[in-house]
C-alpha cells in the first residue's frame, strides 16, 4: 500500500488562494471567460477530491479521477481558441502525462473485472489472476509515486494559476476580447454543432473502422458527451428533455465503443503478462461480442442523427442577455 500522501491536502488548498468569487451556476448570457473558469474549477476540484483515494489504490477513486481529468481536458478543448495562449501547450502536456499515469492502472482494473466476471472458480483462472494482480500492484506503485511527486504538485499549481489568470485572460487584441465576451449560449451552440457534425460523419463508417480509428471515434463521442454534461445548468424544461435524449444515445454508443476499446487494451495487456500472455489474451477475442457492440453503437448514432441539432434556444430558453 502506498504511504499516506501529504500532497493532496496541500494541493486541494492551492487553487482557492487565487480564486475570485464566481457565480455558482452557468447561465446562457454569461461571458465565455467566466464560464470557462466555472467549468474548469469544478473538474479540477473533482480531480483533487479523488487524489487520496487513488493513492490508496481505490479502483473507484481511480475511475472518478480519470473522468474528472477527461472533463477538464475536454473543457480546455471546448473553449479553444479563446484559451490557446503560450502556456496552454505545457498545461496540456502535463494533463496528458497525468492521464497516461492513471490510464495503465485503470485499464488493468477493467481487464481484471472482465476476467473475474467470466472465470467462476477455475483453478487455471485463479492462477492467471495472480499474474494480473502482480502487474496491477506494480503499476499502482508507479502511479502513487507520480501522484506524490513534485511534478504532480506543479501541475496542480500551474493549471490552477493558468485557469484563473493565464495570458489568455489578458490579451488585448479585438479577437481575444471578442472570444472572452462571447455569450456561452452562442459559443456552445456553435461548438456542439461542429462536434456533432464531425462525430456523425465518422460514425457512418463505423463498420469499416480499424481499432485505432474506432478509438478516435470513441474520443470524439466522449468529448461531445462530457461537453453536454458540463452545460447541464443551461438546459431547462423541454430543452432538458432533448438534452437527456441526446445524452442517452451518446452514452449508449460510448459504452459499446468503450467495451470494444477495453477488449483491445485487454489483449495488449495480456500479452505483457509473464507466462500466460497468449492464453490470457484469447479471453478478449470474441467476434460475436464485437459485432453486437458495433450494432448497438451504430443504432445509437442513427437515432442521434435523426434528432434535431442543438439550437441557441435550447441553451437559452427565454433568456435575457446579460451585461
Foldseek 3Di string as FASTA:
>chain_A
DADFAPQLVVLLCQLVVQDDDADQFAEQQDFPLRLLLNLLVVLLNQLSVLLRVLLVPNLVSLVRNLLSLLLNLLSVVLLPPLLVDPCVVVLNVLSVVLNVLSVVLNLLVVLLVLLVVPPPPDPVSVVVVVLSVVVNVVSSVVSSDVSRDPSVSVSSNVVSCSSRDNPSVDDDDPVSVCSRNGGPLVSLQVSLVVLLVVLLVLLVCLVVDDLVSLVVSLSSLSSNLSSLVSLCSQADDPLNVLSVLLNVLSVQLNVLSVLLNSLVVQLVVLCPGPPCSVVSNVSSDDVVSNVVSSVRNSVSSVVNVPRDGDDSCSRHPVHDNDD
